Amino acid sequence: YAEFLSGEELMEYFDALNRTGTEKPRDGDWQKVGMLQGFMMGVSDSRRGVAFCAPKGTSLGQLISITEAYLEDNPGLWDAPAVDITVKALSTAFPCNDAGF
């Protein structure tokens, strides 16, 4: 099992995303935004309908916002693998047992 990204690194990506929308981005911020989007698309494509059941029409931005809020509310998880955090955040928001999937 390979862990490529930690929760702490994921928070750096969220920070970069937030800077690009509100202030002058730092060097590397746009790259981190692209990495964040690619990471979230990969988790969604591989785990949707299995670990979480987001309804049709759920946007990438919504998945990112849910995961960011979950991680901000659970700073003790920052050292955990980002994929585990993301799946937990999305499965909490979109459990498969009552989804309109």
PDB file of N, CA and C in Angstrom:
ATOM      1  N   TYR A   1       0.859  -1.179   0.000  1.00  0.00           N
ATOM      2  CA  TYR A   1       0.000   0.000   0.000  1.00  0.00           C
ATOM      3  C   TYR A   1       0.893   1.225   0.000  1.00  0.00           C
ATOM      4  N   ALA A   2       0.799   1.996  -1.028  1.00  0.00           N
ATOM      5  CA  ALA A   2       1.647   3.183  -1.160  1.00  0.00           C
ATOM      6  C   ALA A   2       0.905   4.413  -0.656  1.00  0.00           C
ATOM      7  N   GLU A   3       1.572   5.192   0.134  1.00  0.00           N
ATOM      8  CA  GLU A   3       1.019   6.458   0.610  1.00  0.00           C
ATOM      9  C   GLU A   3       1.806   7.574  -0.052  1.00  0.00           C
ATOM     10  N   PHE A   4       1.179   8.238  -0.990  1.00  0.00           N
ATOM     11  CA  PHE A   4       1.868   9.276  -1.739  1.00  0.00           C
ATOM     12  C   PHE A   4       1.650  10.667  -1.175  1.00  0.00           C
ATOM     13  N   LEU A   5       0.588  10.840  -0.400  1.00  0.00           N
ATOM     14  CA  LEU A   5       0.209  12.166   0.062  1.00  0.00           C
ATOM     15  C   LEU A   5      -0.375  12.050   1.466  1.00  0.00           C
ATOM     16  N   SER A   6       0.085  12.902   2.364  1.00  0.00           N
ATOM     17  CA  SER A   6      -0.438  12.911   3.738  1.00  0.00           C
ATOM     18  C   SER A   6      -1.511  13.990   3.873  1.00  0.00           C
ATOM     19  N   GLY A   7      -2.220  13.946   4.981  1.00  0.00           N
ATOM     20  CA  GLY A   7      -3.199  14.982   5.264  1.00  0.00           C
ATOM     21  C   GLY A   7      -2.567  16.357   5.355  1.00  0.00           C
ATOM     22  N   GLU A   8      -1.379  16.414   5.906  1.00  0.00           N
ATOM     23  CA  GLU A   8      -0.686  17.704   6.013  1.00  0.00           C
ATOM     24  C   GLU A   8      -0.369  18.269   4.626  1.00  0.00           C
ATOM     25  N   GLU A   9       0.079  17.408   3.737  1.00  0.00           N
ATOM     26  CA  GLU A   9       0.353  17.863   2.367  1.00  0.00           C
ATOM     27  C   GLU A   9      -0.948  18.257   1.661  1.00  0.00           C
ATOM     28  N   LEU A  10      -2.018  17.524   1.934  1.00  0.00           N
ATOM     29  CA  LEU A  10      -3.305  17.868   1.358  1.00  0.00           C
ATOM     30  C   LEU A  10      -3.746  19.253   1.826  1.00  0.00           C
ATOM     31  N   MET A  11      -3.508  19.578   3.089  1.00  0.00           N
ATOM     32  CA  MET A  11      -3.831  20.901   3.603  1.00  0.00           C
ATOM     33  C   MET A  11      -3.037  21.982   2.868  1.00  0.00           C
ATOM     34  N   GLU A  12      -1.783  21.684   2.517  1.00  0.00           N
ATOM     35  CA  GLU A  12      -0.993  22.637   1.732  1.00  0.00           C
ATOM     36  C   GLU A  12      -1.655  22.888   0.376  1.00  0.00           C
ATOM     37  N   TYR A  13      -2.224  21.852  -0.230  1.00  0.00           N
ATOM     38  CA  TYR A  13      -2.920  22.000  -1.505  1.00  0.00           C
ATOM     39  C   TYR A  13      -4.177  22.849  -1.330  1.00  0.00           C
ATOM     40  N   PHE A  14      -4.924  22.620  -0.240  1.00  0.00           N
ATOM     41  CA  PHE A  14      -6.110  23.444   0.024  1.00  0.00           C
ATOM     42  C   PHE A  14      -5.713  24.901   0.233  1.00  0.00           C
ATOM     43  N   ASP A  15      -4.632  25.125   0.964  1.00  0.00           N
ATOM     44  CA  ASP A  15      -4.155  26.494   1.184  1.00  0.00           C
ATOM     45  C   ASP A  15      -3.801  27.164  -0.147  1.00  0.00           C
ATOM     46  N   ALA A  16      -3.149  26.419  -1.025  1.00  0.00           N
ATOM     47  CA  ALA A  16      -2.790  26.954  -2.338  1.00  0.00           C
ATOM     48  C   ALA A  16      -4.048  27.304  -3.127  1.00  0.00           C
ATOM     49  N   LEU A  17      -5.042  26.429  -3.089  1.00  0.00           N
ATOM     50  CA  LEU A  17      -6.299  26.697  -3.786  1.00  0.00           C
ATOM     51  C   LEU A  17      -6.942  27.972  -3.251  1.00  0.00           C
ATOM     52  N   ASN A  18      -6.956  28.125  -1.956  1.00  0.00           N
ATOM     53  CA  ASN A  18      -7.568  29.311  -1.352  1.00  0.00           C
ATOM     54  C   ASN A  18      -6.802  30.586  -1.703  1.00  0.00           C
ATOM     55  N   ARG A  19      -5.479  30.496  -1.773  1.00  0.00           N
ATOM     56  CA  ARG A  19      -4.691  31.677  -2.150  1.00  0.00           C
ATOM     57  C   ARG A  19      -4.966  32.091  -3.586  1.00  0.00           C
ATOM     58  N   THR A  20      -5.174  31.138  -4.473  1.00  0.00           N
ATOM     59  CA  THR A  20      -5.396  31.492  -5.881  1.00  0.00           C
ATOM     60  C   THR A  20      -6.709  32.239  -6.074  1.00  0.00           C
ATOM     61  N   GLY A  21      -7.631  32.104  -5.141  1.00  0.00           N
ATOM     62  CA  GLY A  21      -8.912  32.778  -5.277  1.00  0.00           C
ATOM     63  C   GLY A  21      -9.035  34.069  -4.500  1.00  0.00           C
ATOM     64  N   THR A  22      -8.108  34.328  -3.570  1.00  0.00           N
ATOM     65  CA  THR A  22      -8.292  35.481  -2.696  1.00  0.00           C
ATOM     66  C   THR A  22      -7.105  36.427  -2.636  1.00  0.00           C
ATOM     67  N   GLU A  23      -5.949  35.991  -3.019  1.00  0.00           N
ATOM     68  CA  GLU A  23      -4.762  36.843  -2.925  1.00  0.00           C
ATOM     69  C   GLU A  23      -3.789  36.469  -4.031  1.00  0.00           C
ATOM     70  N   LYS A  24      -2.665  37.090  -4.031  1.00  0.00           N
ATOM     71  CA  LYS A  24      -1.659  36.779  -5.042  1.00  0.00           C
ATOM     72  C   LYS A  24      -1.090  35.376  -4.776  1.00  0.00           C
ATOM     73  N   PRO A  25      -1.230  34.485  -5.754  1.00  0.00           N
ATOM     74  CA  PRO A  25      -0.704  33.135  -5.573  1.00  0.00           C
ATOM     75  C   PRO A  25       0.819  33.138  -5.430  1.00  0.00           C
ATOM     76  N   ARG A  26       1.304  32.187  -4.690  1.00  0.00           N
ATOM     77  CA  ARG A  26       2.754  31.993  -4.544  1.00  0.00           C
ATOM     78  C   ARG A  26       3.246  31.102  -5.677  1.00  0.00           C
ATOM     79  N   ASP A  27       4.549  31.099  -5.863  1.00  0.00           N
ATOM     80  CA  ASP A  27       5.131  30.186  -6.841  1.00  0.00           C
ATOM     81  C   ASP A  27       4.739  28.759  -6.468  1.00  0.00           C
ATOM     82  N   GLY A  28       4.272  28.024  -7.438  1.00  0.00           N
ATOM     83  CA  GLY A  28       3.897  26.628  -7.226  1.00  0.00           C
ATOM     84  C   GLY A  28       2.447  26.414  -6.827  1.00  0.00           C
ATOM     85  N   ASP A  29       1.706  27.494  -6.516  1.00  0.00           N
ATOM     86  CA  ASP A  29       0.314  27.321  -6.089  1.00  0.00           C
ATOM     87  C   ASP A  29      -0.555  26.702  -7.183  1.00  0.00           C
ATOM     88  N   TRP A  30      -0.413  27.165  -8.405  1.00  0.00           N
ATOM     89  CA  TRP A  30      -1.253  26.615  -9.469  1.00  0.00           C
ATOM     90  C   TRP A  30      -0.932  25.143  -9.703  1.00  0.00           C
ATOM     91  N   GLN A  31       0.321  24.770  -9.542  1.00  0.00           N
ATOM     92  CA  GLN A  31       0.689  23.355  -9.672  1.00  0.00           C
ATOM     93  C   GLN A  31       0.005  22.539  -8.573  1.00  0.00           C
ATOM     94  N   LYS A  32       0.003  23.056  -7.347  1.00  0.00           N
ATOM     95  CA  LYS A  32      -0.648  22.350  -6.242  1.00  0.00           C
ATOM     96  C   LYS A  32      -2.150  22.237  -6.468  1.00  0.00           C
ATOM     97  N   VAL A  33      -2.753  23.268  -7.043  1.00  0.00           N
ATOM     98  CA  VAL A  33      -4.187  23.220  -7.355  1.00  0.00           C
ATOM     99  C   VAL A  33      -4.461  22.099  -8.358  1.00  0.00           C
ATOM    100  N   GLY A  34      -3.628  22.004  -9.377  1.00  0.00           N
ATOM    101  CA  GLY A  34      -3.781  20.928 -10.358  1.00  0.00           C
ATOM    102  C   GLY A  34      -3.592  19.555  -9.740  1.00  0.00           C
ATOM    103  N   MET A  35      -2.626  19.451  -8.851  1.00  0.00           N
ATOM    104  CA  MET A  35      -2.401  18.179  -8.152  1.00  0.00           C
ATOM    105  C   MET A  35      -3.607  17.828  -7.283  1.00  0.00           C
ATOM    106  N   LEU A  36      -4.158  18.821  -6.593  1.00  0.00           N
ATOM    107  CA  LEU A  36      -5.333  18.606  -5.756  1.00  0.00           C
ATOM    108  C   LEU A  36      -6.506  18.126  -6.598  1.00  0.00           C
ATOM    109  N   GLN A  37      -6.751  18.784  -7.702  1.00  0.00           N
ATOM    110  CA  GLN A  37      -7.867  18.398  -8.562  1.00  0.00           C
ATOM    111  C   GLN A  37      -7.685  16.980  -9.101  1.00  0.00           C
ATOM    112  N   GLY A  38      -6.480  16.664  -9.539  1.00  0.00           N
ATOM    113  CA  GLY A  38      -6.202  15.321 -10.041  1.00  0.00           C
ATOM    114  C   GLY A  38      -6.355  14.260  -8.962  1.00  0.00           C
ATOM    115  N   PHE A  39      -5.871  14.572  -7.767  1.00  0.00           N
ATOM    116  CA  PHE A  39      -6.008  13.648  -6.642  1.00  0.00           C
ATOM    117  C   PHE A  39      -7.480  13.389  -6.346  1.00  0.00           C
ATOM    118  N   MET A  40      -8.269  14.459  -6.249  1.00  0.00           N
ATOM    119  CA  MET A  40      -9.684  14.316  -5.915  1.00  0.00           C
ATOM    120  C   MET A  40     -10.444  13.564  -7.010  1.00  0.00           C
ATOM    121  N   MET A  41     -10.099  13.814  -8.271  1.00  0.00           N
ATOM    122  CA  MET A  41     -10.747  13.081  -9.360  1.00  0.00           C
ATOM    123  C   MET A  41     -10.403  11.596  -9.280  1.00  0.00           C
ATOM    124  N   GLY A  42      -9.147  11.289  -8.946  1.00  0.00           N
ATOM    125  CA  GLY A  42      -8.738   9.893  -8.829  1.00  0.00           C
ATOM    126  C   GLY A  42      -9.465   9.177  -7.707  1.00  0.00           C
ATOM    127  N   VAL A  43      -9.581   9.829  -6.549  1.00  0.00           N
ATOM    128  CA  VAL A  43     -10.309   9.226  -5.434  1.00  0.00           C
ATOM    129  C   VAL A  43     -11.771   9.034  -5.823  1.00  0.00           C
ATOM    130  N   SER A  44     -12.354  10.053  -6.429  1.00  0.00           N
ATOM    131  CA  SER A  44     -13.755   9.965  -6.822  1.00  0.00           C
ATOM    132  C   SER A  44     -13.977   8.847  -7.835  1.00  0.00           C
ATOM    133  N   ASP A  45     -13.158   8.798  -8.850  1.00  0.00           N
ATOM    134  CA  ASP A  45     -13.333   7.777  -9.885  1.00  0.00           C
ATOM    135  C   ASP A  45     -13.138   6.363  -9.347  1.00  0.00           C
ATOM    136  N   SER A  46     -12.247   6.203  -8.392  1.00  0.00           N
ATOM    137  CA  SER A  46     -11.942   4.856  -7.903  1.00  0.00           C
ATOM    138  C   SER A  46     -12.817   4.407  -6.740  1.00  0.00           C
ATOM    139  N   ARG A  47     -13.404   5.346  -6.000  1.00  0.00           N
ATOM    140  CA  ARG A  47     -14.142   4.963  -4.787  1.00  0.00           C
ATOM    141  C   ARG A  47     -15.625   5.318  -4.814  1.00  0.00           C
ATOM    142  N   ARG A  48     -16.071   6.130  -5.772  1.00  0.00           N
ATOM    143  CA  ARG A  48     -17.496   6.496  -5.849  1.00  0.00           C
ATOM    144  C   ARG A  48     -18.317   5.248  -6.134  1.00  0.00           C
ATOM    145  N   GLY A  49     -19.384   5.094  -5.378  1.00  0.00           N
ATOM    146  CA  GLY A  49     -20.243   3.928  -5.523  1.00  0.00           C
ATOM    147  C   GLY A  49     -19.760   2.735  -4.736  1.00  0.00           C
ATOM    148  N   VAL A  50     -18.569   2.830  -4.164  1.00  0.00           N
ATOM    149  CA  VAL A  50     -18.004   1.756  -3.346  1.00  0.00           C
ATOM    150  C   VAL A  50     -17.873   2.239  -1.904  1.00  0.00           C
ATOM    151  N   ALA A  51     -17.126   3.307  -1.701  1.00  0.00           N
ATOM    152  CA  ALA A  51     -16.891   3.837  -0.354  1.00  0.00           C
ATOM    153  C   ALA A  51     -17.793   5.021  -0.036  1.00  0.00           C
ATOM    154  N   PHE A  52     -18.248   5.714  -1.050  1.00  0.00           N
ATOM    155  CA  PHE A  52     -19.177   6.832  -0.860  1.00  0.00           C
ATOM    156  C   PHE A  52     -20.068   6.925  -2.091  1.00  0.00           C
ATOM    157  N   CYS A  53     -21.226   7.528  -1.906  1.00  0.00           N
ATOM    158  CA  CYS A  53     -22.207   7.582  -2.989  1.00  0.00           C
ATOM    159  C   CYS A  53     -22.717   9.000  -3.184  1.00  0.00           C
ATOM    160  N   ALA A  54     -21.867   9.843  -3.709  1.00  0.00           N
ATOM    161  CA  ALA A  54     -22.270  11.215  -4.020  1.00  0.00           C
ATOM    162  C   ALA A  54     -23.290  11.175  -5.142  1.00  0.00           C
ATOM    163  N   PRO A  55     -24.337  11.972  -5.016  1.00  0.00           N
ATOM    164  CA  PRO A  55     -25.353  11.971  -6.076  1.00  0.00           C
ATOM    165  C   PRO A  55     -24.812  12.529  -7.387  1.00  0.00           C
ATOM    166  N   LYS A  56     -25.471  12.138  -8.466  1.00  0.00           N
ATOM    167  CA  LYS A  56     -25.105  12.682  -9.775  1.00  0.00           C
ATOM    168  C   LYS A  56     -25.179  14.191  -9.696  1.00  0.00           C
ATOM    169  N   GLY A  57     -24.274  14.839 -10.364  1.00  0.00           N
ATOM    170  CA  GLY A  57     -24.245  16.291 -10.369  1.00  0.00           C
ATOM    171  C   GLY A  57     -23.373  16.898  -9.284  1.00  0.00           C
ATOM    172  N   THR A  58     -22.848  16.067  -8.392  1.00  0.00           N
ATOM    173  CA  THR A  58     -21.933  16.578  -7.372  1.00  0.00           C
ATOM    174  C   THR A  58     -20.658  17.029  -8.067  1.00  0.00           C
ATOM    175  N   SER A  59     -20.260  18.260  -7.826  1.00  0.00           N
ATOM    176  CA  SER A  59     -19.106  18.821  -8.535  1.00  0.00           C
ATOM    177  C   SER A  59     -17.788  18.495  -7.839  1.00  0.00           C
ATOM    178  N   LEU A  60     -16.733  18.630  -8.599  1.00  0.00           N
ATOM    179  CA  LEU A  60     -15.391  18.473  -8.044  1.00  0.00           C
ATOM    180  C   LEU A  60     -15.176  19.489  -6.929  1.00  0.00           C
ATOM    181  N   GLY A  61     -15.640  20.710  -7.126  1.00  0.00           N
ATOM    182  CA  GLY A  61     -15.512  21.737  -6.097  1.00  0.00           C
ATOM    183  C   GLY A  61     -16.200  21.347  -4.800  1.00  0.00           C
ATOM    184  N   GLN A  62     -17.355  20.702  -4.894  1.00  0.00           N
ATOM    185  CA  GLN A  62     -18.050  20.245  -3.690  1.00  0.00           C
ATOM    186  C   GLN A  62     -17.250  19.170  -2.967  1.00  0.00           C
ATOM    187  N   LEU A  63     -16.696  18.225  -3.714  1.00  0.00           N
ATOM    188  CA  LEU A  63     -15.890  17.166  -3.096  1.00  0.00           C
ATOM    189  C   LEU A  63     -14.676  17.761  -2.389  1.00  0.00           C
ATOM    190  N   ILE A  64     -14.049  18.738  -3.026  1.00  0.00           N
ATOM    191  CA  ILE A  64     -12.888  19.404  -2.435  1.00  0.00           C
ATOM    192  C   ILE A  64     -13.301  20.145  -1.164  1.00  0.00           C
ATOM    193  N   SER A  65     -14.395  20.883  -1.210  1.00  0.00           N
ATOM    194  CA  SER A  65     -14.844  21.654  -0.040  1.00  0.00           C
ATOM    195  C   SER A  65     -15.197  20.753   1.132  1.00  0.00           C
ATOM    196  N   ILE A  66     -15.860  19.647   0.863  1.00  0.00           N
ATOM    197  CA  ILE A  66     -16.223  18.698   1.923  1.00  0.00           C
ATOM    198  C   ILE A  66     -14.978  18.113   2.563  1.00  0.00           C
ATOM    199  N   THR A  67     -14.016  17.740   1.744  1.00  0.00           N
ATOM    200  CA  THR A  67     -12.785  17.147   2.269  1.00  0.00           C
ATOM    201  C   THR A  67     -11.978  18.171   3.054  1.00  0.00           C
ATOM    202  N   GLU A  68     -11.897  19.378   2.560  1.00  0.00           N
ATOM    203  CA  GLU A  68     -11.162  20.426   3.277  1.00  0.00           C
ATOM    204  C   GLU A  68     -11.800  20.697   4.641  1.00  0.00           C
ATOM    205  N   ALA A  69     -13.107  20.819   4.687  1.00  0.00           N
ATOM    206  CA  ALA A  69     -13.796  21.087   5.949  1.00  0.00           C
ATOM    207  C   ALA A  69     -13.591  19.934   6.933  1.00  0.00           C
ATOM    208  N   TYR A  70     -13.651  18.714   6.431  1.00  0.00           N
ATOM    209  CA  TYR A  70     -13.452  17.543   7.296  1.00  0.00           C
ATOM    210  C   TYR A  70     -12.042  17.549   7.892  1.00  0.00           C
ATOM    211  N   LEU A  71     -11.071  17.844   7.067  1.00  0.00           N
ATOM    212  CA  LEU A  71      -9.683  17.848   7.539  1.00  0.00           C
ATOM    213  C   LEU A  71      -9.435  18.995   8.508  1.00  0.00           C
ATOM    214  N   GLU A  72     -10.030  20.143   8.257  1.00  0.00           N
ATOM    215  CA  GLU A  72      -9.895  21.269   9.187  1.00  0.00           C
ATOM    216  C   GLU A  72     -10.523  20.941  10.544  1.00  0.00           C
ATOM    217  N   ASP A  73     -11.631  20.187  10.530  1.00  0.00           N
ATOM    218  CA  ASP A  73     -12.311  19.802  11.766  1.00  0.00           C
ATOM    219  C   ASP A  73     -11.624  18.656  12.500  1.00  0.00           C
ATOM    220  N   ASN A  74     -10.685  17.996  11.835  1.00  0.00           N
ATOM    221  CA  ASN A  74     -10.004  16.830  12.411  1.00  0.00           C
ATOM    222  C   ASN A  74      -8.488  16.942  12.260  1.00  0.00           C
ATOM    223  N   PRO A  75      -7.869  17.935  12.889  1.00  0.00           N
ATOM    224  CA  PRO A  75      -6.425  18.131  12.706  1.00  0.00           C
ATOM    225  C   PRO A  75      -5.583  16.954  13.199  1.00  0.00           C
ATOM    226  N   GLY A  76      -6.124  16.121  14.040  1.00  0.00           N
ATOM    227  CA  GLY A  76      -5.395  14.937  14.488  1.00  0.00           C
ATOM    228  C   GLY A  76      -5.158  13.934  13.382  1.00  0.00           C
ATOM    229  N   LEU A  77      -5.825  14.108  12.257  1.00  0.00           N
ATOM    230  CA  LEU A  77      -5.670  13.192  11.124  1.00  0.00           C
ATOM    231  C   LEU A  77      -4.634  13.653  10.110  1.00  0.00           C
ATOM    232  N   TRP A  78      -4.033  14.794  10.341  1.00  0.00           N
ATOM    233  CA  TRP A  78      -3.132  15.359   9.342  1.00  0.00           C
ATOM    234  C   TRP A  78      -1.960  14.453   8.988  1.00  0.00           C
ATOM    235  N   ASP A  79      -1.604  13.540   9.880  1.00  0.00           N
ATOM    236  CA  ASP A  79      -0.493  12.638   9.567  1.00  0.00           C
ATOM    237  C   ASP A  79      -0.973  11.354   8.882  1.00  0.00           C
ATOM    238  N   ALA A  80      -2.268  11.205   8.695  1.00  0.00           N
ATOM    239  CA  ALA A  80      -2.821  10.022   8.032  1.00  0.00           C
ATOM    240  C   ALA A  80      -2.702  10.164   6.509  1.00  0.00           C
ATOM    241  N   PRO A  81      -2.809   9.046   5.800  1.00  0.00           N
ATOM    242  CA  PRO A  81      -2.787   9.124   4.336  1.00  0.00           C
ATOM    243  C   PRO A  81      -3.963   9.954   3.812  1.00  0.00           C
ATOM    244  N   ALA A  82      -3.692  10.821   2.871  1.00  0.00           N
ATOM    245  CA  ALA A  82      -4.713  11.708   2.322  1.00  0.00           C
ATOM    246  C   ALA A  82      -5.872  10.933   1.708  1.00  0.00           C
ATOM    247  N   VAL A  83      -5.596   9.813   1.095  1.00  0.00           N
ATOM    248  CA  VAL A  83      -6.677   9.034   0.485  1.00  0.00           C
ATOM    249  C   VAL A  83      -7.631   8.524   1.563  1.00  0.00           C
ATOM    250  N   ASP A  84      -7.118   8.096   2.705  1.00  0.00           N
ATOM    251  CA  ASP A  84      -7.986   7.611   3.781  1.00  0.00           C
ATOM    252  C   ASP A  84      -8.847   8.739   4.331  1.00  0.00           C
ATOM    253  N   ILE A  85      -8.244   9.906   4.503  1.00  0.00           N
ATOM    254  CA  ILE A  85      -8.977  11.071   5.004  1.00  0.00           C
ATOM    255  C   ILE A  85     -10.085  11.456   4.017  1.00  0.00           C
ATOM    256  N   THR A  86      -9.744  11.491   2.754  1.00  0.00           N
ATOM    257  CA  THR A  86     -10.698  11.893   1.731  1.00  0.00           C
ATOM    258  C   THR A  86     -11.865  10.920   1.649  1.00  0.00           C
ATOM    259  N   VAL A  87     -11.575   9.636   1.661  1.00  0.00           N
ATOM    260  CA  VAL A  87     -12.644   8.632   1.618  1.00  0.00           C
ATOM    261  C   VAL A  87     -13.528   8.745   2.857  1.00  0.00           C
ATOM    262  N   LYS A  88     -12.943   8.956   4.029  1.00  0.00           N
ATOM    263  CA  LYS A  88     -13.735   9.109   5.254  1.00  0.00           C
ATOM    264  C   LYS A  88     -14.616  10.354   5.171  1.00  0.00           C
ATOM    265  N   ALA A  89     -14.060  11.459   4.705  1.00  0.00           N
ATOM    266  CA  ALA A  89     -14.837  12.693   4.579  1.00  0.00           C
ATOM    267  C   ALA A  89     -16.019  12.507   3.638  1.00  0.00           C
ATOM    268  N   LEU A  90     -15.758  11.905   2.500  1.00  0.00           N
ATOM    269  CA  LEU A  90     -16.811  11.752   1.494  1.00  0.00           C
ATOM    270  C   LEU A  90     -17.817  10.683   1.879  1.00  0.00           C
ATOM    271  N   SER A  91     -17.378   9.626   2.553  1.00  0.00           N
ATOM    272  CA  SER A  91     -18.331   8.599   2.986  1.00  0.00           C
ATOM    273  C   SER A  91     -19.203   9.098   4.136  1.00  0.00           C
ATOM    274  N   THR A  92     -18.678  10.032   4.924  1.00  0.00           N
ATOM    275  CA  THR A  92     -19.481  10.651   5.976  1.00  0.00           C
ATOM    276  C   THR A  92     -20.541  11.564   5.356  1.00  0.00           C
ATOM    277  N   ALA A  93     -20.145  12.314   4.347  1.00  0.00           N
ATOM    278  CA  ALA A  93     -21.070  13.234   3.675  1.00  0.00           C
ATOM    279  C   ALA A  93     -22.060  12.503   2.759  1.00  0.00           C
ATOM    280  N   PHE A  94     -21.608  11.433   2.151  1.00  0.00           N
ATOM    281  CA  PHE A  94     -22.419  10.718   1.163  1.00  0.00           C
ATOM    282  C   PHE A  94     -22.411   9.213   1.419  1.00  0.00           C
ATOM    283  N   PRO A  95     -23.010   8.777   2.512  1.00  0.00           N
ATOM    284  CA  PRO A  95     -23.025   7.322   2.764  1.00  0.00           C
ATOM    285  C   PRO A  95     -23.834   6.595   1.675  1.00  0.00           C
ATOM    286  N   CYS A  96     -23.432   5.413   1.370  1.00  0.00           N
ATOM    287  CA  CYS A  96     -24.088   4.662   0.290  1.00  0.00           C
ATOM    288  C   CYS A  96     -25.447   4.112   0.705  1.00  0.00           C
ATOM    289  N   ASN A  97     -25.721   4.005   1.964  1.00  0.00           N
ATOM    290  CA  ASN A  97     -26.982   3.390   2.380  1.00  0.00           C
ATOM    291  C   ASN A  97     -28.209   4.251   2.131  1.00  0.00           C
ATOM    292  N   ASP A  98     -28.041   5.556   1.953  1.00  0.00           N
ATOM    293  CA  ASP A  98     -29.214   6.402   1.716  1.00  0.00           C
ATOM    294  C   ASP A  98     -28.987   7.394   0.580  1.00  0.00           C
ATOM    295  N   ALA A  99     -28.117   7.046  -0.336  1.00  0.00           N
ATOM    296  CA  ALA A  99     -27.790   7.952  -1.439  1.00  0.00           C
ATOM    297  C   ALA A  99     -28.755   7.771  -2.597  1.00  0.00           C
ATOM    298  N   GLY A 100     -28.899   8.793  -3.347  1.00  0.00           N
ATOM    299  CA  GLY A 100     -29.672   8.696  -4.569  1.00  0.00           C
ATOM    300  C   GLY A 100     -28.778   8.365  -5.744  1.00  0.00           C
ATOM    301  N   PHE A 101     -27.863   7.458  -5.553  1.00  0.00           N
ATOM    302  CA  PHE A 101     -26.834   7.123  -6.530  1.00  0.00           C
ATOM    303  C   PHE A 101     -27.393   6.226  -7.598  1.00  0.00           C
TER     304      PHE A 101
END
